[in-house]
Amino acid sequence: MAESGIPDIQIDADNLYREETFTDLTTGTIRLLVPVTRTGEDDPDRDVRYEGSASLMTPAGNLPLQFDLGASSLAEAIDNYAEAASAEAERAIEELKQLQREQSQKIQVPGQGGAGGQGGGQIQL
């Protein structure tokens, strides 16, 4: 860590990828990640990766989804997209439900916000 308290931020030159993006402009995006060496040449010793992304609209707002497509070609990534997106959406929704259950079980103590807090929309620092 640097003396200023900010950590040293460095690129891992042994784990570089070139990214290409494919989209249908409506449903989502497929990212092709091609491994490269520190000189920018393709790295044949590592596998390419296909990752998907989509957005799920919820009552609380937009929920971004990121998921691995487990594919070795673009055609396979397209075929795997729907199932992988659905599985990630189910996982994210279950995680949100779990967080809601945990929050609903917390005891409200005066001064900690919520229904038993200061109220009136006042911001406390």
Foldseek 3Di string as FASTA:
>chain_A
DDPVPDDDDDDPQAFAWDWDWDDPVPFWIKIKTFGAHSVRHGDPVDAIWIKIWGWDQDPVGIDIFIFTQPDRDPVSSVVSVVVGVVVRVVVVVVVVVVVVVVVVPDDDDECPDDPNYPDPPDDDD
